[in-house]
Amino acid sequence: MKKEFNVVIEHGSDGFYVASVPELRGCHTQAKSLDTLMKRVREAIELCLEVEGQNMPSYEFVGIKG
């Protein structure tokens, strides 16, 4: 099953980019560059899906669209 998630990205005054996934409770990460942020948000989504797996329908992570 293919599932897409919305990712909200903000750029803080401290120079960090912060990404959060509103559909997944507690799913957020940060990085100094957008390239690193994209890798980290993918990992965060995968981990959130793994942790929430017992309470959520089974989803397969497909990718991030930038």
C-alpha atoms as a PDB file:
ATOM      1  CA  MET A   1       0.000   0.000   0.000  1.00  0.00           C
ATOM      2  CA  LYS A   2       1.412   3.374  -1.027  1.00  0.00           C
ATOM      3  CA  LYS A   3       1.025   6.253   1.439  1.00  0.00           C
ATOM      4  CA  GLU A   4       2.120   9.865   1.089  1.00  0.00           C
ATOM      5  CA  PHE A   5       2.748  12.185   4.017  1.00  0.00           C
ATOM      6  CA  ASN A   6       2.815  15.955   4.196  1.00  0.00           C
ATOM      7  CA  VAL A   7       6.101  17.314   5.527  1.00  0.00           C
ATOM      8  CA  VAL A   8       6.220  20.816   6.997  1.00  0.00           C
ATOM      9  CA  ILE A   9       9.675  22.416   6.778  1.00  0.00           C
ATOM     10  CA  GLU A  10      10.652  25.543   8.688  1.00  0.00           C
ATOM     11  CA  HIS A  11      13.945  27.426   8.752  1.00  0.00           C
ATOM     12  CA  GLY A  12      14.873  28.773  12.164  1.00  0.00           C
ATOM     13  CA  SER A  13      16.927  31.832  13.014  1.00  0.00           C
ATOM     14  CA  ASP A  14      19.566  29.464  14.434  1.00  0.00           C
ATOM     15  CA  GLY A  15      20.260  28.137  10.919  1.00  0.00           C
ATOM     16  CA  PHE A  16      18.575  24.763  11.355  1.00  0.00           C
ATOM     17  CA  TYR A  17      15.827  23.397   9.128  1.00  0.00           C
ATOM     18  CA  VAL A  18      13.085  21.635  11.087  1.00  0.00           C
ATOM     19  CA  ALA A  19      10.746  19.093   9.489  1.00  0.00           C
ATOM     20  CA  SER A  20       7.579  17.653  10.993  1.00  0.00           C
ATOM     21  CA  VAL A  21       4.975  15.211   9.699  1.00  0.00           C
ATOM     22  CA  PRO A  22       1.539  16.263  10.999  1.00  0.00           C
ATOM     23  CA  GLU A  23      -0.056  12.861  10.281  1.00  0.00           C
ATOM     24  CA  LEU A  24       2.439  11.027  12.511  1.00  0.00           C
ATOM     25  CA  ARG A  25       2.436  11.985  16.186  1.00  0.00           C
ATOM     26  CA  GLY A  26       5.918  13.005  17.362  1.00  0.00           C
ATOM     27  CA  CYS A  27       7.490  12.693  13.912  1.00  0.00           C
ATOM     28  CA  HIS A  28      10.013  15.496  13.500  1.00  0.00           C
ATOM     29  CA  THR A  29      13.718  16.065  12.908  1.00  0.00           C
ATOM     30  CA  GLN A  30      16.206  18.844  12.168  1.00  0.00           C
ATOM     31  CA  ALA A  31      19.403  19.466  10.193  1.00  0.00           C
ATOM     32  CA  LYS A  32      21.687  22.235   8.956  1.00  0.00           C
ATOM     33  CA  SER A  33      21.087  21.455   5.242  1.00  0.00           C
ATOM     34  CA  LEU A  34      18.026  20.473   3.229  1.00  0.00           C
ATOM     35  CA  ASP A  35      19.811  17.418   1.807  1.00  0.00           C
ATOM     36  CA  THR A  36      20.512  16.088   5.283  1.00  0.00           C
ATOM     37  CA  LEU A  37      17.006  17.029   6.421  1.00  0.00           C
ATOM     38  CA  MET A  38      15.435  14.964   3.618  1.00  0.00           C
ATOM     39  CA  LYS A  39      17.451  11.899   4.652  1.00  0.00           C
ATOM     40  CA  ARG A  40      16.574  12.382   8.302  1.00  0.00           C
ATOM     41  CA  VAL A  41      12.851  12.938   7.723  1.00  0.00           C
ATOM     42  CA  ARG A  42      12.718   9.720   5.702  1.00  0.00           C
ATOM     43  CA  GLU A  43      14.318   7.870   8.632  1.00  0.00           C
ATOM     44  CA  ALA A  44      11.942   9.577  11.082  1.00  0.00           C
ATOM     45  CA  ILE A  45       8.900   8.519   9.038  1.00  0.00           C
ATOM     46  CA  GLU A  46      10.130   4.932   8.832  1.00  0.00           C
ATOM     47  CA  LEU A  47      10.729   4.821  12.600  1.00  0.00           C
ATOM     48  CA  CYS A  48       7.363   6.388  13.429  1.00  0.00           C
ATOM     49  CA  LEU A  49       5.597   3.878  11.195  1.00  0.00           C
ATOM     50  CA  GLU A  50       7.495   1.059  12.878  1.00  0.00           C
ATOM     51  CA  VAL A  51       6.676   2.275  16.401  1.00  0.00           C
ATOM     52  CA  GLU A  52       3.039   3.089  15.619  1.00  0.00           C
ATOM     53  CA  GLY A  53       2.641  -0.122  13.610  1.00  0.00           C
ATOM     54  CA  GLN A  54       0.383  -1.802  16.139  1.00  0.00           C
ATOM     55  CA  ASN A  55      -2.018   1.165  16.185  1.00  0.00           C
ATOM     56  CA  MET A  56      -1.955   2.051  12.475  1.00  0.00           C
ATOM     57  CA  PRO A  57      -2.866   0.266   9.280  1.00  0.00           C
ATOM     58  CA  SER A  58       0.162  -1.291   7.587  1.00  0.00           C
ATOM     59  CA  TYR A  59       1.936   1.241   5.333  1.00  0.00           C
ATOM     60  CA  GLU A  60       5.025   0.903   3.203  1.00  0.00           C
ATOM     61  CA  PHE A  61       7.263   3.980   3.033  1.00  0.00           C
ATOM     62  CA  VAL A  62       7.692   4.980  -0.618  1.00  0.00           C
ATOM     63  CA  GLY A  63       9.617   8.263  -0.658  1.00  0.00           C
ATOM     64  CA  ILE A  64       9.789  12.010  -0.210  1.00  0.00           C
ATOM     65  CA  LYS A  65       8.855  14.546  -2.845  1.00  0.00           C
ATOM     66  CA  GLY A  66      10.813  17.772  -2.774  1.00  0.00           C
END
